[in-house]
Amino acid sequence: MSSSPPVPRLQLQGITKRYPGCLANDRIDLSIEPGEIHALLGENGAGKSTLMKIIYGVTQPDSGSIVWHGEPLKMRDPAMARQLGIGMVFQHFSLFETLTVAENIALAMGSEAGTPKQLEPRIREVSQRYGMPLEPQRLVHSLSIGERQRVEIVRCLMQDIKLLILDEPTSVLTPQEADELFATLRRLAAEGCSILFISHKLGEVRALCQSATVLRGGRVSGHCVPADCSDLELAKLMVGDAEGLESSYPKVSGGRVRLRVDDLNWHNIDPFGTSLTSLRLEVRSGEIVGIAGVAGNGQDELLALLSGEVRLPRGERERISLDDHPIANLYPDARRSRGLAFVPAERLGHGAVPDMSLSDNALLTAFQQGLLSKGLIKRAKVLAFAEEIIQRFAVKTPNAQAPARSLSGGNLQKFILGREIMQQPKLLVAAHPTWGVDVGAAAAIHRALIALRDAGAAILVISEDLDELFQISDRIGALSGGTLSPLAATASTTPADVGRWMAGQFAPQAPHLCTGSSASSAATLS
């Protein structure tokens, strides 16, 4: 007597979802078996996030059916999904910033899981076991992006998980952290948990996933076994045209020093933050300097001090200079007027206002580019500027009046980066420039950065993606515990070297005769 085939854990049949002017999902079929790690691939805007939200009950489909363990059902909301054993880690975090880690996790798990205080030992135990240590009493607003990602992942791992949906889970993890996460995922799969894995890091997909479904333009364009494909073959399935996806860029030596950070000591009064110690850094015109580091080692603090969101007292203004002009005490707009452009780590809410149109978001940082006249906005020029960004950087959007939140992550990142590049900065500081974007968008962003470098700009890139840093950086270093390693030529450096620097294994930079003092107590990072 032959045994019947196993019933899939989840089946999607003919899922369709339409938004005004956009068919996000077009009759999508998908099946996931118990214990299977299944990849969902596609470029930004292909419909992946919409499909995940339908599975998790955030969004309702216009047509089609969801079958769970062989039984059709309507996924009413995320609470129902969690009751069934479905957990999801969103690319854009769903955390309350004014609550603690434990309070956020308690809210997600419900009152039956216990109070935040009761959950604290378990949070510590689970986060330590999976290599993502968290302090349960920390307020979320004090966490770095990488640490917030850990909260999302640990929150799901504390549930009785049957299907775990991960949307770009390693985008802010180091290779070592990613390896630890993969070991956890393989263990979960061996125990019968199904995993739906979304990632633009194709090497990870090939190493981890047993099967993959590829979306293009809202439709299923193919299926494959990732281990049987090369990265380039997977990229072709996702974007069709693979031109420029495997670009390598020549390494160059910079010219005159644009940015100089001289013995910067900054005391962070936030007990959970990171202080910066004797930090010295030079970025020259016509070069890209990359800084690596595990999240929470001073990247956010350095970015805030460079952008002007945190200022030093007037007596410390020479700690940071642009073209030999002290700027450490200047506000952000004054730094921009001297040629600084800035791409923050967080796209929505920091790089762009979600509910504002793209044209208004363009005005927010480019208002000094002839877009104002005697305090009045030149609307036609603002619109033309936004439309030029959209055209030049191939931003997929209906028009410049679309709200920022309507764009996929990669398209919004291209818009933000384009907005800064089109201001022709002398110095560009970019944080995680390709975090969570597809291979096509990442390649376009890299080409734009190289073109800006070759035009003579100085570029500082802070990223946790070592592959990216080695691809585009001319010199590279790492932050560890608020201390910066000496910079080295990327061509003569290995990922293993940078990994050691990220762990703090480097000789300190040579001391300077003049020692800086900490910033005023008013300089507190939010």
Protein backbone atom coordinates (compact mmCIF):
# COMPACT_ATOMS: atom_id res chain seq x y z
CA MET A 1 0.00 0.00 0.00
CA SER A 2 1.60 3.30 -1.10
CA SER A 3 1.69 6.17 1.33
CA SER A 4 0.07 9.46 0.34
CA PRO A 5 2.37 12.42 -0.32
CA PRO A 6 2.85 14.79 2.61
CA VAL A 7 0.46 17.72 2.84
CA PRO A 8 2.20 21.05 2.26
CA ARG A 9 2.34 23.30 5.25
CA LEU A 10 1.32 26.34 3.21
CA GLN A 11 -0.18 26.64 -0.26
CA LEU A 12 -1.04 29.85 -2.07
CA GLN A 13 -3.36 29.43 -5.03
CA GLY A 14 -3.94 32.21 -7.55
CA ILE A 15 -3.16 35.05 -5.13
CA THR A 16 -3.90 38.42 -6.76
CA LYS A 17 -3.56 41.88 -5.24
CA ARG A 18 -4.08 45.13 -7.09
CA TYR A 19 -3.32 48.67 -5.93
CA PRO A 20 -4.18 51.85 -7.84
CA GLY A 21 -1.96 51.82 -10.91
CA CYS A 22 -0.14 48.63 -9.84
CA LEU A 23 -0.84 44.90 -10.07
CA ALA A 24 1.37 43.82 -7.15
CA ASN A 25 0.55 40.08 -7.26
CA ASP A 26 -0.83 38.40 -10.37
CA ARG A 27 -2.23 34.86 -9.80
CA ILE A 28 0.68 33.64 -7.70
CA ASP A 29 0.96 29.96 -6.70
CA LEU A 30 3.40 28.92 -3.97
CA SER A 31 3.84 25.76 -1.90
CA ILE A 32 6.06 25.19 1.15
CA GLU A 33 6.65 21.82 2.78
CA PRO A 34 7.25 21.13 6.50
CA GLY A 35 10.93 21.56 7.30
CA GLU A 36 11.67 23.27 3.97
CA ILE A 37 13.76 26.41 3.61
CA HIS A 38 12.21 28.10 0.58
CA ALA A 39 13.58 31.27 -1.02
CA LEU A 40 11.41 33.95 -2.58
CA LEU A 41 13.46 35.94 -5.06
CA GLY A 42 12.79 38.98 -7.20
CA GLU A 43 13.94 42.52 -7.76
CA ASN A 44 12.51 45.41 -5.73
CA GLY A 45 8.89 45.95 -6.71
CA ALA A 46 8.43 42.35 -7.91
CA GLY A 47 5.66 41.72 -5.36
CA LYS A 48 7.54 39.82 -2.65
CA SER A 49 6.65 42.05 0.30
CA THR A 50 2.97 42.22 -0.71
CA LEU A 51 2.81 38.43 -0.87
CA MET A 52 4.44 38.10 2.56
CA LYS A 53 1.96 40.55 4.06
CA ILE A 54 -0.90 38.51 2.63
CA ILE A 55 0.45 35.34 4.24
CA TYR A 56 0.87 37.16 7.56
CA GLY A 57 -2.60 38.72 7.48
CA VAL A 58 -1.46 42.33 7.16
CA THR A 59 -3.01 42.63 3.69
CA GLN A 60 -6.04 40.87 2.21
CA PRO A 61 -5.84 39.47 -1.35
CA ASP A 62 -8.36 40.51 -3.98
CA SER A 63 -8.67 36.89 -5.09
CA GLY A 64 -7.04 33.51 -4.59
CA SER A 65 -6.85 31.21 -1.57
CA ILE A 66 -4.55 30.34 1.32
CA VAL A 67 -4.38 26.68 2.37
CA TRP A 68 -2.80 25.88 5.74
CA HIS A 69 -2.09 22.19 6.48
CA GLY A 70 -4.56 21.24 3.77
CA GLU A 71 -7.38 23.45 5.08
CA PRO A 72 -8.46 26.63 3.26
CA LEU A 73 -8.67 29.67 5.49
CA LYS A 74 -8.89 33.45 5.46
CA MET A 75 -5.94 35.02 7.25
CA ARG A 76 -7.79 37.78 9.05
CA ASP A 77 -4.89 39.56 10.74
CA PRO A 78 -1.37 39.03 12.15
CA ALA A 79 -2.81 37.87 15.49
CA MET A 80 -4.44 34.94 13.71
CA ALA A 81 -1.19 34.21 11.85
CA ARG A 82 0.74 34.13 15.14
CA GLN A 83 -1.85 31.80 16.69
CA LEU A 84 -1.30 29.41 13.80
CA GLY A 85 2.45 29.53 14.38
CA ILE A 86 3.46 31.97 11.65
CA GLY A 87 6.11 34.53 12.54
CA MET A 88 7.46 37.30 10.33
CA VAL A 89 10.51 39.52 10.47
CA PHE A 90 9.81 42.64 8.40
CA GLN A 91 12.49 44.49 6.47
CA HIS A 92 11.17 47.74 7.94
CA PHE A 93 10.90 47.21 11.66
CA SER A 94 7.55 47.09 13.47
CA LEU A 95 8.75 48.17 16.91
CA PHE A 96 7.58 50.81 19.38
CA GLU A 97 10.62 53.03 19.88
CA THR A 98 9.61 54.36 23.31
CA LEU A 99 9.20 50.86 24.78
CA THR A 100 11.86 48.44 25.93
CA VAL A 101 12.96 45.31 24.10
CA ALA A 102 11.05 43.16 26.59
CA GLU A 103 7.90 45.28 26.29
CA ASN A 104 7.96 45.01 22.50
CA ILE A 105 8.35 41.24 22.63
CA ALA A 106 5.62 40.92 25.28
CA LEU A 107 3.20 42.89 23.08
CA ALA A 108 3.84 40.56 20.16
CA MET A 109 3.44 37.38 22.20
CA GLY A 110 0.30 38.37 24.10
CA SER A 111 -0.60 38.40 27.77
CA GLU A 112 -0.48 34.62 28.10
CA ALA A 113 3.31 34.72 27.58
CA GLY A 114 3.82 36.71 30.77
CA THR A 115 4.82 40.22 31.72
CA PRO A 116 7.88 41.94 30.23
CA LYS A 117 9.71 41.35 33.51
CA GLN A 118 8.89 37.65 33.40
CA LEU A 119 10.10 37.41 29.80
CA GLU A 120 13.49 39.02 30.44
CA PRO A 121 15.41 35.83 31.42
CA ARG A 122 14.04 33.99 28.39
CA ILE A 123 14.90 36.87 26.07
CA ARG A 124 18.48 36.83 27.34
CA GLU A 125 18.69 33.06 26.99
CA VAL A 126 17.22 32.87 23.47
CA SER A 127 19.18 35.84 22.15
CA GLN A 128 22.46 34.50 23.55
CA ARG A 129 21.78 30.98 22.25
CA TYR A 130 21.28 32.27 18.72
CA GLY A 131 24.25 34.64 18.76
CA MET A 132 22.18 37.84 18.84
CA PRO A 133 22.64 39.17 22.38
CA LEU A 134 20.04 41.66 23.61
CA GLU A 135 19.54 43.61 26.82
CA PRO A 136 15.77 43.32 27.55
CA GLN A 137 15.56 46.61 29.49
CA ARG A 138 16.99 48.80 26.71
CA LEU A 139 14.65 51.25 25.04
CA VAL A 140 14.28 50.49 21.33
CA HIS A 141 15.04 54.09 20.27
CA SER A 142 18.54 53.65 21.73
CA LEU A 143 19.27 50.59 19.59
CA SER A 144 21.18 50.59 16.32
CA ILE A 145 19.55 49.23 13.17
CA GLY A 146 21.36 45.92 13.56
CA GLU A 147 20.20 45.57 17.14
CA ARG A 148 16.60 46.33 16.16
CA GLN A 149 16.82 43.57 13.58
CA ARG A 150 17.90 41.21 16.37
CA VAL A 151 14.78 42.13 18.36
CA GLU A 152 12.57 41.22 15.41
CA ILE A 153 14.28 37.85 14.91
CA VAL A 154 14.36 36.92 18.60
CA ARG A 155 10.70 37.91 18.97
CA CYS A 156 9.78 35.29 16.38
CA LEU A 157 12.13 32.63 17.76
CA MET A 158 10.41 32.88 21.15
CA GLN A 159 7.10 31.78 19.63
CA ASP A 160 5.98 28.23 18.83
CA ILE A 161 7.02 28.68 15.21
CA LYS A 162 5.71 26.50 12.37
CA LEU A 163 6.44 28.95 9.53
CA LEU A 164 9.05 31.66 9.86
CA ILE A 165 9.06 34.42 7.22
CA LEU A 166 12.33 36.35 7.01
CA ASP A 167 12.52 39.50 4.87
CA GLU A 168 16.20 40.42 4.41
CA PRO A 169 17.22 39.09 7.85
CA THR A 170 20.98 39.35 7.32
CA SER A 171 21.10 42.78 5.71
CA VAL A 172 22.67 44.30 8.84
CA LEU A 173 24.49 41.25 10.19
CA THR A 174 28.19 40.50 9.91
CA PRO A 175 29.21 37.31 8.07
CA GLN A 176 29.83 35.65 11.41
CA GLU A 177 26.39 36.63 12.70
CA ALA A 178 24.81 35.45 9.46
CA ASP A 179 26.53 32.07 9.80
CA GLU A 180 25.17 31.73 13.34
CA LEU A 181 21.68 32.64 12.13
CA PHE A 182 21.91 30.06 9.34
CA ALA A 183 22.88 27.38 11.85
CA THR A 184 19.78 28.32 13.82
CA LEU A 185 17.56 28.22 10.74
CA ARG A 186 18.89 24.81 9.71
CA ARG A 187 18.21 23.51 13.21
CA LEU A 188 14.68 24.92 13.12
CA ALA A 189 14.09 23.31 9.72
CA ALA A 190 15.40 19.97 10.99
CA GLU A 191 12.83 20.22 13.77
CA GLY A 192 10.07 20.64 11.17
CA CYS A 193 9.74 24.42 10.98
CA SER A 194 9.17 25.80 7.47
CA ILE A 195 11.12 28.91 6.53
CA LEU A 196 10.32 31.40 3.79
CA PHE A 197 13.51 33.34 3.14
CA ILE A 198 13.74 36.62 1.21
CA SER A 199 17.23 37.91 0.48
CA HIS A 200 19.12 39.77 -2.21
CA LYS A 201 22.36 38.12 -1.10
CA LEU A 202 22.35 35.31 -3.63
CA GLY A 203 25.29 33.50 -2.07
CA GLU A 204 23.22 33.12 1.10
CA VAL A 205 20.25 31.79 -0.87
CA ARG A 206 22.43 29.21 -2.62
CA ALA A 207 23.99 28.07 0.66
CA LEU A 208 20.81 27.93 2.72
CA CYS A 209 17.70 27.29 0.63
CA GLN A 210 16.53 23.99 -0.85
CA SER A 211 14.20 25.56 -3.41
CA ALA A 212 13.27 28.98 -4.73
CA THR A 213 10.35 30.74 -6.38
CA VAL A 214 11.24 33.74 -8.53
CA LEU A 215 8.89 36.71 -9.04
CA ARG A 216 9.15 39.29 -11.78
CA GLY A 217 6.61 42.05 -12.29
CA GLY A 218 4.18 40.50 -9.79
CA ARG A 219 4.13 37.07 -11.48
CA VAL A 220 5.93 33.80 -10.87
CA SER A 221 8.65 33.75 -13.51
CA GLY A 222 10.27 30.47 -12.52
CA HIS A 223 11.36 27.93 -9.93
CA CYS A 224 14.85 26.59 -9.27
CA VAL A 225 17.13 24.74 -6.87
CA PRO A 226 19.51 27.54 -5.76
CA ALA A 227 22.42 25.20 -5.09
CA ASP A 228 22.36 24.18 -8.76
CA CYS A 229 22.63 27.80 -9.98
CA SER A 230 25.37 30.40 -9.96
CA ASP A 231 24.80 33.87 -8.53
CA LEU A 232 24.69 35.25 -12.06
CA GLU A 233 22.11 32.67 -13.17
CA LEU A 234 19.91 33.56 -10.21
CA ALA A 235 20.31 37.26 -10.97
CA LYS A 236 19.25 36.69 -14.57
CA LEU A 237 16.11 34.89 -13.36
CA MET A 238 15.29 37.88 -11.16
CA VAL A 239 16.02 40.85 -13.41
CA GLY A 240 16.24 39.40 -16.91
CA ASP A 241 19.15 41.58 -18.03
CA ALA A 242 22.39 40.77 -16.21
CA GLU A 243 24.42 43.61 -17.72
CA GLY A 244 26.62 45.28 -15.12
CA LEU A 245 25.75 42.90 -12.29
CA GLU A 246 29.29 41.54 -11.96
CA SER A 247 31.19 44.81 -12.25
CA SER A 248 34.60 45.17 -10.65
CA TYR A 249 36.03 48.62 -10.14
CA PRO A 250 39.68 49.73 -10.26
CA LYS A 251 41.18 50.91 -7.00
CA VAL A 252 42.53 54.45 -6.94
CA SER A 253 44.52 56.79 -4.72
CA GLY A 254 42.79 59.95 -3.61
CA GLY A 255 43.96 63.51 -3.99
CA ARG A 256 43.63 66.35 -1.46
CA VAL A 257 42.12 65.67 1.94
CA ARG A 258 38.45 66.65 2.01
CA LEU A 259 37.29 65.24 5.36
CA ARG A 260 39.58 65.21 8.36
CA VAL A 261 38.58 63.86 11.77
CA ASP A 262 41.32 64.69 14.26
CA ASP A 263 41.54 62.87 17.63
CA LEU A 264 37.80 62.88 18.13
CA ASN A 265 36.76 61.86 21.63
CA TRP A 266 33.02 61.90 22.24
CA HIS A 267 31.40 60.71 25.44
CA ASN A 268 27.92 59.28 24.91
CA ILE A 269 25.83 59.96 27.99
CA ASP A 270 23.37 57.25 26.89
CA PRO A 271 24.40 54.25 29.06
CA PHE A 272 23.54 51.90 26.21
CA GLY A 273 25.30 53.93 23.53
CA THR A 274 28.90 53.87 22.36
CA SER A 275 31.51 56.53 23.03
CA LEU A 276 34.15 57.36 20.44
CA THR A 277 37.81 57.27 21.44
CA SER A 278 40.76 59.02 19.75
CA LEU A 279 39.16 58.65 16.34
CA ARG A 280 41.30 59.86 13.43
CA LEU A 281 40.16 59.68 9.82
CA GLU A 282 40.97 61.24 6.47
CA VAL A 283 38.94 60.92 3.27
CA ARG A 284 40.47 62.37 0.11
CA SER A 285 38.93 63.67 -3.07
CA GLY A 286 38.48 60.99 -5.71
CA GLU A 287 38.40 58.02 -3.33
CA ILE A 288 35.93 55.86 -1.42
CA VAL A 289 36.76 54.94 2.16
CA GLY A 290 34.79 52.05 3.63
CA ILE A 291 34.23 51.48 7.34
CA ALA A 292 33.02 48.08 8.51
CA GLY A 293 31.82 47.02 11.95
CA VAL A 294 29.27 45.05 13.89
CA ALA A 295 26.16 47.11 14.63
CA GLY A 296 26.41 49.10 17.85
CA ASN A 297 30.15 49.81 17.75
CA GLY A 298 29.92 53.55 17.18
CA GLN A 299 28.64 53.78 13.60
CA ASP A 300 25.48 55.69 14.54
CA GLU A 301 27.42 58.05 16.78
CA LEU A 302 30.02 58.79 14.10
CA LEU A 303 27.32 59.36 11.48
CA ALA A 304 25.47 61.79 13.75
CA LEU A 305 28.66 63.75 14.45
CA LEU A 306 29.56 63.94 10.77
CA SER A 307 26.07 64.94 9.59
CA GLY A 308 25.61 67.64 12.23
CA GLU A 309 22.73 65.96 14.04
CA VAL A 310 25.08 66.00 17.02
CA ARG A 311 27.42 68.99 17.30
CA LEU A 312 30.56 69.55 19.32
CA PRO A 313 31.12 72.72 21.39
CA ARG A 314 32.73 75.65 19.60
CA GLY A 315 36.04 74.93 21.32
CA GLU A 316 36.06 71.48 19.71
CA ARG A 317 35.01 72.59 16.24
CA GLU A 318 38.35 71.67 14.62
CA ARG A 319 37.89 68.00 15.48
CA ILE A 320 36.01 67.65 12.18
CA SER A 321 36.95 69.70 9.13
CA LEU A 322 35.86 69.83 5.50
CA ASP A 323 38.39 71.29 3.06
CA ASP A 324 40.33 72.58 6.10
CA HIS A 325 37.27 74.49 7.39
CA PRO A 326 36.21 73.46 10.93
CA ILE A 327 32.62 72.16 10.89
CA ALA A 328 32.20 70.15 14.10
CA ASN A 329 30.02 72.85 15.71
CA LEU A 330 27.93 73.62 12.61
CA TYR A 331 24.30 72.68 12.05
CA PRO A 332 23.48 70.25 9.19
CA ASP A 333 22.39 73.00 6.76
CA ALA A 334 25.64 74.89 7.25
CA ARG A 335 27.61 71.72 6.56
CA ARG A 336 25.57 71.12 3.42
CA SER A 337 26.34 74.64 2.22
CA ARG A 338 30.05 73.72 2.45
CA GLY A 339 29.55 70.63 0.26
CA LEU A 340 28.51 67.79 2.56
CA ALA A 341 25.79 65.34 1.46
CA PHE A 342 24.41 62.58 3.65
CA VAL A 343 22.58 59.28 3.08
CA PRO A 344 21.30 57.99 6.46
CA ALA A 345 20.91 54.35 7.41
CA GLU A 346 17.14 54.50 7.85
CA ARG A 347 15.31 55.26 4.62
CA LEU A 348 11.78 55.86 5.91
CA GLY A 349 11.57 58.46 8.65
CA HIS A 350 15.18 59.63 8.41
CA GLY A 351 16.13 59.71 4.75
CA ALA A 352 12.59 60.49 3.63
CA VAL A 353 9.27 61.49 5.21
CA PRO A 354 6.94 58.55 4.41
CA ASP A 355 3.74 60.49 3.70
CA MET A 356 5.34 63.31 1.75
CA SER A 357 5.67 63.23 -2.04
CA LEU A 358 8.97 62.49 -3.72
CA SER A 359 9.20 66.09 -4.93
CA ASP A 360 8.76 67.43 -1.38
CA ASN A 361 11.30 64.92 -0.11
CA ALA A 362 13.73 66.15 -2.76
CA LEU A 363 13.30 69.68 -1.44
CA LEU A 364 14.10 68.66 2.14
CA THR A 365 17.85 68.39 1.57
CA ALA A 366 18.28 70.12 -1.81
CA PHE A 367 16.65 73.43 -0.91
CA GLN A 368 20.01 75.17 -1.38
CA GLN A 369 20.14 74.12 -5.04
CA GLY A 370 18.20 77.11 -6.37
CA LEU A 371 14.82 75.70 -5.35
CA LEU A 372 13.89 78.68 -3.15
CA SER A 373 13.49 82.39 -3.88
CA LYS A 374 13.18 84.83 -0.98
CA GLY A 375 11.76 82.10 1.21
CA LEU A 376 9.25 80.92 -1.40
CA ILE A 377 9.37 77.47 -2.98
CA LYS A 378 9.89 77.30 -6.74
CA ARG A 379 7.46 74.45 -7.28
CA ALA A 380 8.23 73.95 -10.97
CA LYS A 381 11.96 73.67 -10.27
CA VAL A 382 11.39 71.29 -7.35
CA LEU A 383 9.23 69.05 -9.55
CA ALA A 384 11.79 69.15 -12.37
CA PHE A 385 14.58 68.28 -9.90
CA ALA A 386 12.62 65.28 -8.55
CA GLU A 387 11.75 64.10 -12.04
CA GLU A 388 15.40 64.28 -13.05
CA ILE A 389 16.33 62.09 -10.07
CA ILE A 390 13.66 59.58 -11.08
CA GLN A 391 14.83 59.46 -14.68
CA ARG A 392 18.58 59.52 -14.09
CA PHE A 393 18.55 56.85 -11.37
CA ALA A 394 15.79 54.67 -12.89
CA VAL A 395 13.47 54.99 -9.89
CA LYS A 396 10.32 52.91 -10.43
CA THR A 397 7.40 55.13 -9.40
CA PRO A 398 4.24 56.43 -11.11
CA ASN A 399 5.41 60.04 -10.82
CA ALA A 400 7.16 62.58 -8.58
CA GLN A 401 3.93 63.17 -6.63
CA ALA A 402 3.87 59.60 -5.28
CA PRO A 403 4.45 59.38 -1.50
CA ALA A 404 7.80 58.04 -0.39
CA ARG A 405 6.21 55.12 1.45
CA SER A 406 4.74 53.81 -1.82
CA LEU A 407 8.18 52.97 -3.22
CA SER A 408 9.93 49.65 -2.70
CA GLY A 409 13.03 49.76 -0.53
CA GLY A 410 15.48 49.69 -3.40
CA ASN A 411 13.70 52.36 -5.40
CA LEU A 412 13.46 54.69 -2.40
CA GLN A 413 17.16 54.14 -1.73
CA LYS A 414 18.00 55.03 -5.34
CA PHE A 415 15.90 58.19 -5.00
CA ILE A 416 17.59 59.26 -1.75
CA LEU A 417 21.07 58.55 -3.09
CA GLY A 418 20.25 60.32 -6.36
CA ARG A 419 18.96 63.35 -4.47
CA GLU A 420 22.31 63.66 -2.69
CA ILE A 421 24.52 62.93 -5.71
CA MET A 422 22.72 65.48 -7.89
CA GLN A 423 23.76 68.19 -5.43
CA GLN A 424 27.34 67.54 -6.61
CA PRO A 425 28.80 67.26 -3.12
CA LYS A 426 32.44 67.61 -2.25
CA LEU A 427 31.92 64.94 0.42
CA LEU A 428 29.25 62.21 0.52
CA VAL A 429 28.71 60.21 3.71
CA ALA A 430 26.56 57.14 3.02
CA ALA A 431 25.34 54.60 5.58
CA HIS A 432 24.42 51.10 4.37
CA PRO A 433 23.79 52.35 0.81
CA THR A 434 22.46 49.03 -0.53
CA TRP A 435 20.81 47.60 2.58
CA GLY A 436 17.90 45.40 1.51
CA VAL A 437 17.99 46.29 -2.19
CA ASP A 438 18.07 43.81 -5.07
CA VAL A 439 21.11 42.99 -7.16
CA GLY A 440 20.08 45.28 -9.99
CA ALA A 441 19.50 48.28 -7.74
CA ALA A 442 22.71 47.57 -5.80
CA ALA A 443 24.71 47.50 -9.03
CA ALA A 444 23.15 50.82 -10.09
CA ILE A 445 23.95 52.39 -6.72
CA HIS A 446 27.55 51.17 -6.89
CA ARG A 447 27.97 52.58 -10.40
CA ALA A 448 26.61 55.94 -9.20
CA LEU A 449 29.05 56.02 -6.27
CA ILE A 450 32.00 55.15 -8.51
CA ALA A 451 30.98 57.85 -11.01
CA LEU A 452 30.80 60.41 -8.18
CA ARG A 453 34.22 59.28 -6.96
CA ASP A 454 35.68 59.58 -10.44
CA ALA A 455 34.24 63.10 -10.69
CA GLY A 456 36.44 64.07 -7.73
CA ALA A 457 34.15 63.72 -4.70
CA ALA A 458 35.32 62.21 -1.43
CA ILE A 459 33.03 59.38 -0.29
CA LEU A 460 32.76 57.69 3.10
CA VAL A 461 30.69 54.49 3.16
CA ILE A 462 29.73 52.87 6.45
CA SER A 463 28.34 49.39 5.91
CA GLU A 464 28.12 45.94 7.47
CA ASP A 465 28.26 44.30 4.04
CA LEU A 466 31.91 43.32 3.59
CA ASP A 467 31.36 42.20 -0.01
CA GLU A 468 30.09 45.67 -0.84
CA LEU A 469 32.95 47.43 0.92
CA PHE A 470 35.58 45.33 -0.84
CA GLN A 471 33.90 45.90 -4.19
CA ILE A 472 33.74 49.71 -4.10
CA SER A 473 36.20 50.95 -1.45
CA ASP A 474 39.71 52.13 -2.17
CA ARG A 475 40.71 52.08 1.51
CA ILE A 476 39.02 50.22 4.33
CA GLY A 477 38.93 50.09 8.12
CA ALA A 478 36.62 48.96 10.92
CA LEU A 479 35.00 50.35 14.05
CA SER A 480 35.11 48.31 17.25
CA GLY A 481 33.92 49.63 20.60
CA GLY A 482 34.06 53.21 19.36
CA THR A 483 37.68 52.91 18.20
CA LEU A 484 38.63 53.03 14.52
CA SER A 485 41.31 50.75 13.13
CA PRO A 486 44.01 52.21 10.89
CA LEU A 487 42.86 52.38 7.28
CA ALA A 488 44.48 50.08 4.71
CA ALA A 489 44.38 49.82 0.93
CA THR A 490 41.54 47.47 0.05
CA ALA A 491 43.61 45.80 -2.66
CA SER A 492 46.12 44.60 -0.04
CA THR A 493 43.53 43.63 2.60
CA THR A 494 41.43 40.47 3.07
CA PRO A 495 37.99 39.95 4.63
CA ALA A 496 39.71 37.96 7.36
CA ASP A 497 41.82 41.01 8.21
CA VAL A 498 38.73 43.21 8.46
CA GLY A 499 36.96 40.53 10.51
CA ARG A 500 39.76 40.72 13.07
CA TRP A 501 39.54 44.52 13.12
CA MET A 502 35.79 44.27 13.69
CA ALA A 503 36.57 42.17 16.76
CA GLY A 504 38.97 44.86 18.03
CA GLN A 505 42.18 43.06 17.07
CA PHE A 506 44.25 45.95 15.78
CA ALA A 507 46.97 48.29 16.99
CA PRO A 508 45.59 51.69 18.01
CA GLN A 509 46.22 54.67 15.76
CA ALA A 510 49.24 56.73 16.58
CA PRO A 511 48.45 59.29 19.31
CA HIS A 512 48.31 62.99 18.56
CA LEU A 513 49.85 65.63 20.81
CA CYS A 514 46.51 67.37 21.18
CA THR A 515 43.88 65.37 23.03
CA GLY A 516 40.21 66.14 22.42
CA SER A 517 37.61 66.24 25.14
CA SER A 518 34.13 64.84 25.18
CA ALA A 519 31.19 66.69 23.76
CA SER A 520 28.79 68.62 25.90
CA SER A 521 26.18 66.66 27.81
CA ALA A 522 23.54 68.15 25.56
CA ALA A 523 24.83 66.06 22.67
CA THR A 524 22.63 63.05 23.14
CA LEU A 525 21.78 60.71 20.30
CA SER A 526 18.19 59.86 19.74
